[in-house]
């Protein structure tokens, strides 16, 4: 029985596609490692709260200006911390998505990212 070759493809074309996919995966791995080391900063409350996260989506620092600390309004402080954290995480997520899209040319292949 003869091996079937998909229409429009030859064994050498399939090998070339496999090599391109492997190269793309290697580029994505390198980019992913670089992104994990980056830091993303966001502020809330007009600079009263700063949050820094890494590309690994880990919070590395939270800076709070003393003026915003009001023992009678802890809820506002919590909201500012949450807002700054979520914005920093959004920045990291968007940066990763844009970087991976550049590498993949817009392909969405499950398992590659």
Protein backbone atom coordinates (compact mmCIF):
# COMPACT_ATOMS: atom_id res chain seq x y z
CA UNK A 1 0.00 0.00 0.00
CA UNK A 2 1.30 3.43 -0.96
CA UNK A 3 1.59 6.20 1.62
CA UNK A 4 -0.92 8.93 0.93
CA UNK A 5 0.35 12.45 0.54
CA UNK A 6 -2.10 15.24 1.32
CA UNK A 7 -3.35 17.03 -1.77
CA UNK A 8 -1.12 19.92 -2.71
CA UNK A 9 1.81 18.69 -0.63
CA UNK A 10 4.85 16.62 -1.33
CA UNK A 11 7.10 14.98 1.23
CA UNK A 12 9.71 17.75 0.79
CA UNK A 13 7.02 20.43 1.30
CA UNK A 14 5.84 18.69 4.44
CA UNK A 15 9.40 18.54 5.75
CA UNK A 16 9.83 22.24 5.00
CA UNK A 17 6.59 23.06 6.85
CA UNK A 18 7.73 20.95 9.82
CA UNK A 19 11.08 22.78 9.90
CA UNK A 20 9.32 26.15 9.78
CA UNK A 21 7.00 25.11 12.61
CA UNK A 22 9.98 23.95 14.68
CA UNK A 23 11.79 27.24 14.04
CA UNK A 24 8.66 29.19 15.02
CA UNK A 25 8.36 27.16 18.25
CA UNK A 26 12.02 27.87 19.09
CA UNK A 27 11.51 31.60 18.49
CA UNK A 28 8.41 31.54 20.69
CA UNK A 29 10.28 29.75 23.47
CA UNK A 30 13.04 32.38 23.38
CA UNK A 31 10.51 35.23 23.32
CA UNK A 32 8.53 33.65 26.16
CA UNK A 33 11.65 33.43 28.32
CA UNK A 34 12.50 37.06 27.57
CA UNK A 35 8.94 38.17 28.35
CA UNK A 36 8.99 36.35 31.69
CA UNK A 37 11.94 38.51 32.75
CA UNK A 38 10.30 41.82 31.80
CA UNK A 39 8.57 44.02 34.35
CA UNK A 40 5.34 45.92 33.83
CA UNK A 41 4.31 48.86 36.01
CA UNK A 42 0.90 50.41 36.45
CA UNK A 43 -0.43 53.14 38.72
CA UNK A 44 -3.80 54.02 40.21
CA UNK A 45 -5.18 56.98 42.09
CA UNK A 46 -3.06 59.49 40.21
CA UNK A 47 0.19 57.78 41.20
CA UNK A 48 -0.85 57.00 44.76
CA UNK A 49 -0.37 53.24 44.19
CA UNK A 50 2.23 51.64 41.91
CA UNK A 51 2.30 47.92 41.17
CA UNK A 52 5.02 46.03 39.33
CA UNK A 53 4.49 42.56 37.86
CA UNK A 54 6.70 40.28 35.82
CA UNK A 55 5.94 38.51 32.58
CA UNK A 56 5.39 35.44 34.74
CA UNK A 57 2.34 37.29 36.08
CA UNK A 58 3.86 37.64 39.55
CA UNK A 59 3.58 40.80 41.62
CA UNK A 60 7.08 41.95 42.57
CA UNK A 61 6.31 45.21 44.31
CA UNK A 62 3.54 47.45 45.53
CA UNK A 63 4.33 51.06 46.44
CA UNK A 64 1.73 53.06 48.35
CA UNK A 65 2.02 56.79 49.04
CA UNK A 66 1.36 57.54 52.71
CA UNK A 67 -1.28 60.12 51.77
CA UNK A 68 -3.61 57.41 50.48
CA UNK A 69 -3.57 55.39 53.70
CA UNK A 70 -6.76 56.23 55.56
CA UNK A 71 -7.67 53.78 58.36
CA UNK A 72 -11.31 54.79 57.91
CA UNK A 73 -11.29 53.96 54.18
CA UNK A 74 -9.34 50.73 53.68
CA UNK A 75 -11.76 49.81 50.88
CA UNK A 76 -10.49 52.66 48.71
CA UNK A 77 -6.88 51.54 49.22
CA UNK A 78 -7.84 47.97 48.33
CA UNK A 79 -9.56 49.21 45.16
CA UNK A 80 -6.49 51.21 44.12
CA UNK A 81 -4.20 48.22 44.66
CA UNK A 82 -6.55 45.98 42.71
CA UNK A 83 -6.86 48.48 39.84
CA UNK A 84 -3.10 48.96 39.53
CA UNK A 85 -2.45 45.21 39.74
CA UNK A 86 -5.03 44.37 37.10
CA UNK A 87 -3.67 47.05 34.75
CA UNK A 88 -0.08 45.78 35.14
CA UNK A 89 -1.26 42.21 34.44
CA UNK A 90 -3.16 43.44 31.35
CA UNK A 91 0.00 45.12 30.07
CA UNK A 92 2.00 41.91 30.51
CA UNK A 93 -0.68 39.81 28.81
CA UNK A 94 -1.02 42.21 25.86
CA UNK A 95 2.76 42.38 25.39
CA UNK A 96 2.97 38.58 25.28
CA UNK A 97 0.06 38.28 22.83
CA UNK A 98 1.54 40.92 20.50
CA UNK A 99 5.02 39.36 20.63
CA UNK A 100 3.72 35.88 19.89
CA UNK A 101 1.50 37.16 17.08
CA UNK A 102 4.52 38.80 15.42
CA UNK A 103 6.39 35.49 15.52
CA UNK A 104 3.49 33.32 14.38
CA UNK A 105 2.26 35.72 11.73
CA UNK A 106 -1.18 35.61 13.31
CA UNK A 107 -1.49 31.82 13.26
CA UNK A 108 -3.34 30.45 16.24
CA UNK A 109 -1.98 26.94 16.63
CA UNK A 110 -3.06 25.20 19.84
CA UNK A 111 -0.13 24.18 22.02
CA UNK A 112 2.33 26.70 20.60
CA UNK A 113 1.57 29.40 23.16
